[in-house]
Amino acid sequence: PGRWSTDRAPYLRGPMRAMTRADVDEISLGFASQTGKTECLVNFAGWVCRQDPSPAMWFWPNEDLAGEFNQDRLLPAIEASPSWRDLLGEAPRDRKTAHLKFRRAGMDLWLKGAGSDAQGKSKPAKYRIADEIDSEQFDPAMLDHARQRGAAWPGGKFIKASIPSFEGAGI
């Protein structure tokens, strides 16, 4: 709780630096459960918003998890950060919106469930995040679709995150 400090989780420093490097285009985060991987991704979304406002898409295993993440983690982070609030404006009143979409001068941030093929194909995005890909509900084909969504964006990133899993699932 409280203000972010990488000193409390120094092992996140390397992955977060990699997310901002121009020569890195794909990152896999295979962390143990509850060790900061999603918080690392929240920080990256803040970096995108501030440093390179471009279309971004965040995939979750399903709509419910996307809405839960929006309500419990993303909106509170935005509301607690004067920098994010200044850039994104007031948070939407419906905090349970799974298809959250923020718009700011060239940046759209969508939260999507990965259960529908159409959701991954609907829009191009420079930055793509696929979280909890080890879930049985996460359609593995969505990873290829998410990767393709960035083809038109030089310098984009594709970040996958999950707990380590068995071969053929997750990371």
N, C-alpha and C. Protein backbone atom coordinates (compact mmCIF):
# COMPACT_ATOMS: atom_id res chain seq x y z
N PRO A 1 0.82 -1.20 0.00
CA PRO A 1 0.00 0.00 0.00
C PRO A 1 0.86 1.25 0.00
N GLY A 2 0.28 2.33 -0.44
CA GLY A 2 0.98 3.61 -0.44
C GLY A 2 1.67 3.89 -1.76
N ARG A 3 2.46 4.93 -1.76
CA ARG A 3 3.16 5.38 -2.96
C ARG A 3 4.13 4.29 -3.45
N TRP A 4 4.22 4.15 -4.78
CA TRP A 4 5.09 3.13 -5.37
C TRP A 4 6.55 3.42 -5.05
N SER A 5 7.29 2.38 -4.72
CA SER A 5 8.72 2.46 -4.54
C SER A 5 9.33 1.16 -5.04
N THR A 6 10.14 1.25 -6.07
CA THR A 6 10.78 0.05 -6.61
C THR A 6 11.76 -0.54 -5.60
N ASP A 7 12.20 0.26 -4.64
CA ASP A 7 13.09 -0.26 -3.61
C ASP A 7 12.43 -1.37 -2.79
N ARG A 8 11.09 -1.38 -2.72
CA ARG A 8 10.40 -2.43 -1.98
C ARG A 8 10.30 -3.72 -2.80
N ALA A 9 10.51 -3.62 -4.10
CA ALA A 9 10.48 -4.79 -4.99
C ALA A 9 11.57 -4.61 -6.04
N PRO A 10 12.85 -4.62 -5.62
CA PRO A 10 13.93 -4.31 -6.56
C PRO A 10 14.03 -5.26 -7.74
N TYR A 11 13.49 -6.48 -7.62
CA TYR A 11 13.52 -7.44 -8.72
C TYR A 11 12.65 -6.98 -9.89
N LEU A 12 11.79 -5.98 -9.70
CA LEU A 12 10.96 -5.45 -10.78
C LEU A 12 11.69 -4.38 -11.60
N ARG A 13 12.81 -3.90 -11.09
CA ARG A 13 13.55 -2.85 -11.78
C ARG A 13 13.97 -3.28 -13.19
N GLY A 14 14.53 -4.47 -13.33
CA GLY A 14 14.98 -4.97 -14.63
C GLY A 14 13.84 -5.09 -15.63
N PRO A 15 12.74 -5.78 -15.29
CA PRO A 15 11.62 -5.85 -16.23
C PRO A 15 11.05 -4.48 -16.60
N MET A 16 10.95 -3.58 -15.63
CA MET A 16 10.39 -2.26 -15.96
C MET A 16 11.34 -1.47 -16.86
N ARG A 17 12.63 -1.62 -16.66
CA ARG A 17 13.58 -0.95 -17.57
C ARG A 17 13.47 -1.54 -18.98
N ALA A 18 13.34 -2.86 -19.07
CA ALA A 18 13.21 -3.50 -20.38
C ALA A 18 11.97 -2.99 -21.11
N MET A 19 10.90 -2.72 -20.37
CA MET A 19 9.67 -2.24 -21.00
C MET A 19 9.84 -0.88 -21.65
N THR A 20 10.81 -0.11 -21.22
CA THR A 20 11.01 1.23 -21.78
C THR A 20 12.15 1.29 -22.79
N ARG A 21 12.83 0.18 -23.03
CA ARG A 21 13.94 0.17 -23.98
C ARG A 21 13.45 0.04 -25.41
N ALA A 22 13.99 0.84 -26.29
CA ALA A 22 13.58 0.85 -27.70
C ALA A 22 13.94 -0.45 -28.41
N ASP A 23 14.99 -1.14 -27.97
CA ASP A 23 15.43 -2.35 -28.67
C ASP A 23 14.75 -3.62 -28.16
N VAL A 24 13.77 -3.50 -27.28
CA VAL A 24 13.03 -4.65 -26.76
C VAL A 24 11.60 -4.54 -27.25
N ASP A 25 11.11 -5.59 -27.94
CA ASP A 25 9.74 -5.51 -28.45
C ASP A 25 8.81 -6.56 -27.87
N GLU A 26 9.34 -7.59 -27.22
CA GLU A 26 8.49 -8.60 -26.58
C GLU A 26 9.10 -9.02 -25.26
N ILE A 27 8.25 -9.07 -24.24
CA ILE A 27 8.70 -9.40 -22.89
C ILE A 27 7.77 -10.45 -22.31
N SER A 28 8.33 -11.45 -21.66
CA SER A 28 7.55 -12.47 -20.94
C SER A 28 7.88 -12.36 -19.46
N LEU A 29 6.84 -12.16 -18.66
CA LEU A 29 7.02 -12.08 -17.21
C LEU A 29 6.45 -13.36 -16.60
N GLY A 30 7.31 -14.23 -16.14
CA GLY A 30 6.88 -15.46 -15.48
C GLY A 30 7.24 -15.35 -14.01
N PHE A 31 6.33 -14.83 -13.21
CA PHE A 31 6.57 -14.57 -11.79
C PHE A 31 5.69 -15.49 -10.96
N ALA A 32 6.11 -15.73 -9.73
CA ALA A 32 5.25 -16.42 -8.78
C ALA A 32 4.02 -15.55 -8.51
N SER A 33 2.99 -16.15 -8.02
CA SER A 33 1.75 -15.45 -7.73
C SER A 33 1.98 -14.36 -6.67
N GLN A 34 1.33 -13.22 -6.88
CA GLN A 34 1.35 -12.10 -5.92
C GLN A 34 2.75 -11.55 -5.64
N THR A 35 3.56 -11.42 -6.71
CA THR A 35 4.91 -10.88 -6.52
C THR A 35 5.15 -9.59 -7.29
N GLY A 36 4.10 -8.99 -7.85
CA GLY A 36 4.23 -7.66 -8.44
C GLY A 36 4.14 -7.56 -9.93
N LYS A 37 3.88 -8.66 -10.63
CA LYS A 37 3.90 -8.57 -12.10
C LYS A 37 2.81 -7.65 -12.62
N THR A 38 1.60 -7.72 -12.08
CA THR A 38 0.53 -6.85 -12.58
C THR A 38 0.80 -5.40 -12.18
N GLU A 39 1.35 -5.17 -11.02
CA GLU A 39 1.68 -3.81 -10.61
C GLU A 39 2.75 -3.23 -11.53
N CYS A 40 3.68 -4.07 -11.95
CA CYS A 40 4.70 -3.69 -12.91
C CYS A 40 4.04 -3.24 -14.22
N LEU A 41 3.00 -3.95 -14.63
CA LEU A 41 2.27 -3.61 -15.86
C LEU A 41 1.47 -2.33 -15.69
N VAL A 42 0.91 -2.10 -14.51
CA VAL A 42 0.21 -0.85 -14.24
C VAL A 42 1.20 0.32 -14.37
N ASN A 43 2.39 0.15 -13.82
CA ASN A 43 3.41 1.20 -13.95
C ASN A 43 3.76 1.43 -15.42
N PHE A 44 3.85 0.36 -16.18
CA PHE A 44 4.15 0.51 -17.61
C PHE A 44 3.05 1.29 -18.32
N ALA A 45 1.79 0.99 -18.00
CA ALA A 45 0.69 1.74 -18.62
C ALA A 45 0.80 3.23 -18.28
N GLY A 46 1.20 3.54 -17.06
CA GLY A 46 1.42 4.94 -16.69
C GLY A 46 2.56 5.56 -17.49
N TRP A 47 3.61 4.78 -17.72
CA TRP A 47 4.73 5.28 -18.53
C TRP A 47 4.27 5.57 -19.96
N VAL A 48 3.49 4.65 -20.54
CA VAL A 48 2.98 4.86 -21.90
C VAL A 48 2.17 6.15 -21.95
N CYS A 49 1.29 6.31 -20.98
CA CYS A 49 0.44 7.49 -20.94
C CYS A 49 1.26 8.77 -20.90
N ARG A 50 2.31 8.78 -20.12
CA ARG A 50 3.13 9.99 -19.94
C ARG A 50 4.17 10.16 -21.05
N GLN A 51 4.84 9.09 -21.44
CA GLN A 51 6.00 9.21 -22.34
C GLN A 51 5.70 8.96 -23.81
N ASP A 52 4.73 8.12 -24.12
CA ASP A 52 4.46 7.77 -25.52
C ASP A 52 2.97 7.47 -25.70
N PRO A 53 2.12 8.48 -25.56
CA PRO A 53 0.68 8.23 -25.65
C PRO A 53 0.31 7.64 -27.01
N SER A 54 0.06 6.35 -27.00
CA SER A 54 -0.25 5.59 -28.21
C SER A 54 -1.32 4.57 -27.84
N PRO A 55 -2.02 4.03 -28.84
CA PRO A 55 -3.03 3.01 -28.53
C PRO A 55 -2.43 1.82 -27.78
N ALA A 56 -3.14 1.40 -26.74
CA ALA A 56 -2.70 0.27 -25.92
C ALA A 56 -3.89 -0.63 -25.63
N MET A 57 -3.65 -1.93 -25.59
CA MET A 57 -4.71 -2.90 -25.33
C MET A 57 -4.22 -3.88 -24.27
N TRP A 58 -5.06 -4.10 -23.26
CA TRP A 58 -4.71 -4.99 -22.15
C TRP A 58 -5.70 -6.13 -22.15
N PHE A 59 -5.20 -7.35 -22.42
CA PHE A 59 -6.05 -8.53 -22.50
C PHE A 59 -6.06 -9.28 -21.17
N TRP A 60 -7.24 -9.70 -20.77
CA TRP A 60 -7.46 -10.53 -19.58
C TRP A 60 -8.15 -11.81 -20.03
N PRO A 61 -8.15 -12.85 -19.22
CA PRO A 61 -8.79 -14.10 -19.63
C PRO A 61 -10.27 -13.95 -20.00
N ASN A 62 -10.98 -13.05 -19.33
CA ASN A 62 -12.40 -12.85 -19.65
C ASN A 62 -12.83 -11.45 -19.25
N GLU A 63 -14.05 -11.11 -19.63
CA GLU A 63 -14.59 -9.77 -19.36
C GLU A 63 -14.69 -9.49 -17.86
N ASP A 64 -15.08 -10.48 -17.07
CA ASP A 64 -15.23 -10.27 -15.63
C ASP A 64 -13.90 -9.88 -14.98
N LEU A 65 -12.82 -10.56 -15.35
CA LEU A 65 -11.51 -10.22 -14.79
C LEU A 65 -11.05 -8.84 -15.25
N ALA A 66 -11.35 -8.49 -16.50
CA ALA A 66 -11.00 -7.16 -16.99
C ALA A 66 -11.73 -6.09 -16.17
N GLY A 67 -13.02 -6.31 -15.92
CA GLY A 67 -13.80 -5.36 -15.12
C GLY A 67 -13.32 -5.29 -13.69
N GLU A 68 -13.01 -6.44 -13.11
CA GLU A 68 -12.51 -6.51 -11.74
C GLU A 68 -11.19 -5.76 -11.62
N PHE A 69 -10.29 -6.00 -12.57
CA PHE A 69 -9.00 -5.31 -12.58
C PHE A 69 -9.21 -3.81 -12.69
N ASN A 70 -10.10 -3.40 -13.56
CA ASN A 70 -10.40 -1.99 -13.74
C ASN A 70 -10.86 -1.38 -12.41
N GLN A 71 -11.81 -2.02 -11.78
CA GLN A 71 -12.40 -1.49 -10.55
C GLN A 71 -11.42 -1.52 -9.37
N ASP A 72 -10.72 -2.64 -9.21
CA ASP A 72 -9.92 -2.84 -8.00
C ASP A 72 -8.49 -2.33 -8.09
N ARG A 73 -7.94 -2.24 -9.30
CA ARG A 73 -6.51 -1.91 -9.41
C ARG A 73 -6.22 -0.69 -10.28
N LEU A 74 -6.77 -0.67 -11.51
CA LEU A 74 -6.38 0.39 -12.44
C LEU A 74 -6.98 1.74 -12.04
N LEU A 75 -8.29 1.82 -11.86
CA LEU A 75 -8.89 3.10 -11.51
C LEU A 75 -8.36 3.65 -10.18
N PRO A 76 -8.19 2.83 -9.14
CA PRO A 76 -7.58 3.37 -7.93
C PRO A 76 -6.16 3.92 -8.16
N ALA A 77 -5.38 3.26 -9.03
CA ALA A 77 -4.03 3.76 -9.34
C ALA A 77 -4.11 5.11 -10.04
N ILE A 78 -5.03 5.24 -10.98
CA ILE A 78 -5.20 6.51 -11.70
C ILE A 78 -5.67 7.60 -10.74
N GLU A 79 -6.64 7.26 -9.91
CA GLU A 79 -7.18 8.25 -8.97
C GLU A 79 -6.14 8.69 -7.95
N ALA A 80 -5.20 7.82 -7.61
CA ALA A 80 -4.17 8.14 -6.62
C ALA A 80 -2.99 8.90 -7.22
N SER A 81 -2.92 8.99 -8.53
CA SER A 81 -1.78 9.61 -9.19
C SER A 81 -2.17 10.94 -9.82
N PRO A 82 -1.67 12.05 -9.28
CA PRO A 82 -1.98 13.34 -9.90
C PRO A 82 -1.55 13.40 -11.36
N SER A 83 -0.43 12.76 -11.68
CA SER A 83 0.07 12.75 -13.06
C SER A 83 -0.93 12.08 -14.00
N TRP A 84 -1.41 10.89 -13.62
CA TRP A 84 -2.38 10.17 -14.46
C TRP A 84 -3.68 10.95 -14.55
N ARG A 85 -4.15 11.48 -13.43
CA ARG A 85 -5.43 12.21 -13.45
C ARG A 85 -5.34 13.41 -14.37
N ASP A 86 -4.20 14.13 -14.35
CA ASP A 86 -4.03 15.28 -15.22
C ASP A 86 -4.06 14.88 -16.69
N LEU A 87 -3.49 13.73 -17.00
CA LEU A 87 -3.43 13.28 -18.38
C LEU A 87 -4.74 12.66 -18.87
N LEU A 88 -5.37 11.86 -18.03
CA LEU A 88 -6.54 11.10 -18.46
C LEU A 88 -7.86 11.73 -18.09
N GLY A 89 -7.83 12.69 -17.18
CA GLY A 89 -9.08 13.29 -16.75
C GLY A 89 -9.77 12.42 -15.72
N GLU A 90 -11.01 12.74 -15.46
CA GLU A 90 -11.77 12.03 -14.44
C GLU A 90 -12.07 10.60 -14.88
N ALA A 91 -11.99 9.70 -13.93
CA ALA A 91 -12.28 8.30 -14.20
C ALA A 91 -13.76 8.13 -14.50
N PRO A 92 -14.09 7.15 -15.33
CA PRO A 92 -15.50 6.90 -15.64
C PRO A 92 -16.30 6.57 -14.38
N ARG A 93 -17.54 6.95 -14.37
CA ARG A 93 -18.40 6.71 -13.21
C ARG A 93 -18.69 5.21 -13.03
N ASP A 94 -18.83 4.48 -14.13
CA ASP A 94 -19.11 3.05 -14.06
C ASP A 94 -17.79 2.31 -13.91
N ARG A 95 -17.38 2.06 -12.69
CA ARG A 95 -16.08 1.46 -12.41
C ARG A 95 -16.01 0.01 -12.83
N LYS A 96 -17.12 -0.62 -13.13
CA LYS A 96 -17.09 -2.04 -13.49
C LYS A 96 -17.01 -2.25 -15.00
N THR A 97 -16.83 -1.19 -15.75
CA THR A 97 -16.76 -1.32 -17.19
C THR A 97 -15.57 -2.18 -17.59
N ALA A 98 -15.84 -3.30 -18.21
CA ALA A 98 -14.75 -4.18 -18.64
C ALA A 98 -14.03 -3.61 -19.85
N HIS A 99 -14.79 -3.01 -20.76
CA HIS A 99 -14.20 -2.43 -21.97
C HIS A 99 -13.79 -1.01 -21.69
N LEU A 100 -13.03 -0.83 -20.63
CA LEU A 100 -12.60 0.50 -20.27
C LEU A 100 -11.81 1.09 -21.42
N LYS A 101 -12.13 2.31 -21.73
CA LYS A 101 -11.38 2.98 -22.78
C LYS A 101 -11.08 4.40 -22.31
N PHE A 102 -9.81 4.69 -22.16
CA PHE A 102 -9.38 6.05 -21.86
C PHE A 102 -8.87 6.65 -23.16
N ARG A 103 -9.08 7.91 -23.34
CA ARG A 103 -8.57 8.58 -24.54
C ARG A 103 -7.83 9.84 -24.10
N ARG A 104 -6.65 10.01 -24.63
CA ARG A 104 -5.86 11.20 -24.37
C ARG A 104 -4.90 11.42 -25.53
N ALA A 105 -5.06 12.48 -26.26
CA ALA A 105 -4.14 12.90 -27.31
C ALA A 105 -3.33 11.76 -27.91
N GLY A 106 -3.98 10.89 -28.63
CA GLY A 106 -3.28 9.81 -29.31
C GLY A 106 -3.25 8.50 -28.54
N MET A 107 -3.69 8.51 -27.29
CA MET A 107 -3.66 7.28 -26.51
C MET A 107 -5.07 6.80 -26.23
N ASP A 108 -5.34 5.58 -26.61
CA ASP A 108 -6.53 4.87 -26.18
C ASP A 108 -6.02 3.69 -25.38
N LEU A 109 -6.64 3.41 -24.25
CA LEU A 109 -6.29 2.24 -23.46
C LEU A 109 -7.54 1.41 -23.30
N TRP A 110 -7.54 0.22 -23.90
CA TRP A 110 -8.69 -0.68 -23.84
C TRP A 110 -8.36 -1.86 -22.93
N LEU A 111 -9.35 -2.29 -22.18
CA LEU A 111 -9.26 -3.54 -21.43
C LEU A 111 -10.20 -4.51 -22.12
N LYS A 112 -9.69 -5.69 -22.45
CA LYS A 112 -10.46 -6.67 -23.21
C LYS A 112 -10.40 -8.04 -22.57
N GLY A 113 -11.48 -8.79 -22.71
CA GLY A 113 -11.48 -10.20 -22.36
C GLY A 113 -10.91 -10.98 -23.54
N ALA A 114 -10.13 -12.00 -23.29
CA ALA A 114 -9.47 -12.74 -24.36
C ALA A 114 -10.27 -13.94 -24.84
N GLY A 115 -11.51 -14.03 -24.45
CA GLY A 115 -12.32 -15.17 -24.85
C GLY A 115 -12.94 -15.04 -26.22
N SER A 116 -12.97 -13.84 -26.76
CA SER A 116 -13.61 -13.61 -28.06
C SER A 116 -12.56 -13.25 -29.10
N ASP A 117 -12.55 -13.98 -30.19
CA ASP A 117 -11.62 -13.73 -31.28
C ASP A 117 -11.73 -12.30 -31.79
N ALA A 118 -12.95 -11.79 -31.91
CA ALA A 118 -13.16 -10.45 -32.46
C ALA A 118 -12.51 -9.39 -31.59
N GLN A 119 -12.42 -9.62 -30.29
CA GLN A 119 -11.87 -8.60 -29.41
C GLN A 119 -10.39 -8.37 -29.67
N GLY A 120 -9.67 -9.38 -30.04
CA GLY A 120 -8.25 -9.20 -30.30
C GLY A 120 -7.96 -8.66 -31.68
N LYS A 121 -8.92 -8.78 -32.57
CA LYS A 121 -8.71 -8.34 -33.94
C LYS A 121 -9.30 -6.97 -34.23
N SER A 122 -10.01 -6.41 -33.29
CA SER A 122 -10.80 -5.22 -33.58
C SER A 122 -10.00 -3.96 -33.80
N LYS A 123 -8.87 -3.78 -33.14
CA LYS A 123 -8.15 -2.51 -33.24
C LYS A 123 -6.64 -2.75 -33.21
N PRO A 124 -5.90 -1.94 -33.95
CA PRO A 124 -4.45 -2.02 -33.82
C PRO A 124 -4.01 -1.30 -32.55
N ALA A 125 -2.92 -1.73 -31.96
CA ALA A 125 -2.41 -1.09 -30.76
C ALA A 125 -0.89 -1.21 -30.72
N LYS A 126 -0.23 -0.13 -30.43
CA LYS A 126 1.23 -0.14 -30.34
C LYS A 126 1.69 -0.97 -29.15
N TYR A 127 0.97 -0.85 -28.05
CA TYR A 127 1.33 -1.57 -26.84
C TYR A 127 0.25 -2.59 -26.53
N ARG A 128 0.66 -3.85 -26.34
CA ARG A 128 -0.27 -4.92 -26.03
C ARG A 128 0.22 -5.66 -24.79
N ILE A 129 -0.69 -5.85 -23.86
CA ILE A 129 -0.39 -6.56 -22.63
C ILE A 129 -1.36 -7.73 -22.52
N ALA A 130 -0.84 -8.90 -22.25
CA ALA A 130 -1.67 -10.08 -22.03
C ALA A 130 -1.36 -10.59 -20.63
N ASP A 131 -2.33 -10.45 -19.73
CA ASP A 131 -2.11 -10.79 -18.32
C ASP A 131 -2.87 -12.06 -17.96
N GLU A 132 -2.30 -12.82 -17.05
CA GLU A 132 -2.88 -14.08 -16.58
C GLU A 132 -3.13 -15.06 -17.73
N ILE A 133 -2.14 -15.18 -18.60
CA ILE A 133 -2.31 -16.04 -19.77
C ILE A 133 -2.29 -17.52 -19.41
N ASP A 134 -1.96 -17.84 -18.16
CA ASP A 134 -1.99 -19.23 -17.71
C ASP A 134 -3.41 -19.71 -17.42
N SER A 135 -4.37 -18.79 -17.38
CA SER A 135 -5.76 -19.16 -17.08
C SER A 135 -6.34 -20.05 -18.18
N GLU A 136 -7.14 -21.02 -17.77
CA GLU A 136 -7.80 -21.89 -18.75
C GLU A 136 -8.73 -21.10 -19.66
N GLN A 137 -9.19 -19.94 -19.20
CA GLN A 137 -10.11 -19.13 -19.99
C GLN A 137 -9.40 -18.25 -21.01
N PHE A 138 -8.08 -18.15 -20.92
CA PHE A 138 -7.34 -17.32 -21.87
C PHE A 138 -7.12 -18.11 -23.15
N ASP A 139 -7.71 -17.65 -24.23
CA ASP A 139 -7.58 -18.32 -25.51
C ASP A 139 -6.16 -18.12 -26.04
N PRO A 140 -5.35 -19.18 -26.15
CA PRO A 140 -3.96 -19.03 -26.61
C PRO A 140 -3.85 -18.38 -27.99
N ALA A 141 -4.85 -18.55 -28.84
CA ALA A 141 -4.81 -17.92 -30.16
C ALA A 141 -4.80 -16.39 -30.03
N MET A 142 -5.32 -15.89 -28.92
CA MET A 142 -5.35 -14.45 -28.71
C MET A 142 -3.95 -13.86 -28.63
N LEU A 143 -2.97 -14.66 -28.21
CA LEU A 143 -1.60 -14.15 -28.14
C LEU A 143 -1.08 -13.80 -29.53
N ASP A 144 -1.38 -14.65 -30.51
CA ASP A 144 -0.97 -14.33 -31.88
C ASP A 144 -1.71 -13.11 -32.41
N HIS A 145 -2.99 -13.03 -32.10
CA HIS A 145 -3.76 -11.86 -32.53
C HIS A 145 -3.22 -10.58 -31.89
N ALA A 146 -2.89 -10.66 -30.63
CA ALA A 146 -2.34 -9.49 -29.93
C ALA A 146 -1.00 -9.09 -30.54
N ARG A 147 -0.18 -10.07 -30.85
CA ARG A 147 1.11 -9.80 -31.47
C ARG A 147 0.90 -9.08 -32.81
N GLN A 148 -0.07 -9.54 -33.59
CA GLN A 148 -0.36 -8.94 -34.90
C GLN A 148 -0.91 -7.53 -34.80
N ARG A 149 -1.59 -7.21 -33.71
CA ARG A 149 -2.18 -5.88 -33.54
C ARG A 149 -1.12 -4.79 -33.56
N GLY A 150 0.14 -5.14 -33.31
CA GLY A 150 1.20 -4.15 -33.27
C GLY A 150 2.01 -4.05 -34.54
N ALA A 151 1.64 -4.80 -35.57
CA ALA A 151 2.45 -4.83 -36.79
C ALA A 151 2.61 -3.45 -37.43
N ALA A 152 1.63 -2.60 -37.29
CA ALA A 152 1.68 -1.27 -37.92
C ALA A 152 2.40 -0.24 -37.06
N TRP A 153 2.89 -0.65 -35.91
CA TRP A 153 3.48 0.29 -34.95
C TRP A 153 4.95 -0.03 -34.69
N PRO A 154 5.88 0.60 -35.39
CA PRO A 154 7.29 0.39 -35.06
C PRO A 154 7.55 0.86 -33.62
N GLY A 155 8.40 0.12 -32.93
CA GLY A 155 8.75 0.51 -31.57
C GLY A 155 7.75 0.08 -30.52
N GLY A 156 6.73 -0.67 -30.91
CA GLY A 156 5.73 -1.12 -29.96
C GLY A 156 6.24 -2.26 -29.10
N LYS A 157 5.44 -2.64 -28.15
CA LYS A 157 5.79 -3.72 -27.23
C LYS A 157 4.64 -4.70 -27.07
N PHE A 158 5.00 -5.95 -26.86
CA PHE A 158 4.03 -6.99 -26.52
C PHE A 158 4.55 -7.63 -25.24
N ILE A 159 3.75 -7.54 -24.19
CA ILE A 159 4.16 -8.05 -22.88
C ILE A 159 3.17 -9.12 -22.44
N LYS A 160 3.71 -10.29 -22.11
CA LYS A 160 2.89 -11.40 -21.61
C LYS A 160 3.25 -11.63 -20.16
N ALA A 161 2.24 -11.91 -19.34
CA ALA A 161 2.49 -12.13 -17.93
C ALA A 161 1.65 -13.30 -17.42
N SER A 162 2.27 -14.14 -16.60
CA SER A 162 1.54 -15.23 -15.95
C SER A 162 2.44 -15.84 -14.89
N ILE A 163 1.83 -16.71 -14.11
CA ILE A 163 2.67 -17.51 -13.23
C ILE A 163 3.27 -18.61 -14.10
N PRO A 164 4.45 -19.13 -13.76
CA PRO A 164 5.00 -20.24 -14.55
C PRO A 164 4.00 -21.39 -14.58
N SER A 165 3.93 -22.04 -15.72
CA SER A 165 2.89 -23.05 -15.90
C SER A 165 3.45 -24.27 -16.61
N PHE A 166 2.57 -25.15 -17.00
CA PHE A 166 2.96 -26.34 -17.73
C PHE A 166 3.17 -26.03 -19.20
N GLU A 167 3.91 -26.87 -19.89
CA GLU A 167 4.17 -26.69 -21.31
C GLU A 167 2.83 -26.60 -22.05
N GLY A 168 2.74 -25.59 -22.94
CA GLY A 168 1.52 -25.41 -23.71
C GLY A 168 0.53 -24.47 -23.06
N ALA A 169 0.82 -23.99 -21.86
CA ALA A 169 -0.07 -23.06 -21.17
C ALA A 169 0.76 -22.03 -20.44
N GLY A 170 0.36 -20.77 -20.55
CA GLY A 170 1.05 -19.71 -19.82
C GLY A 170 2.47 -19.53 -20.30
N ILE A 171 3.34 -19.24 -19.37
CA ILE A 171 4.75 -18.98 -19.68
C ILE A 171 5.58 -20.10 -19.09
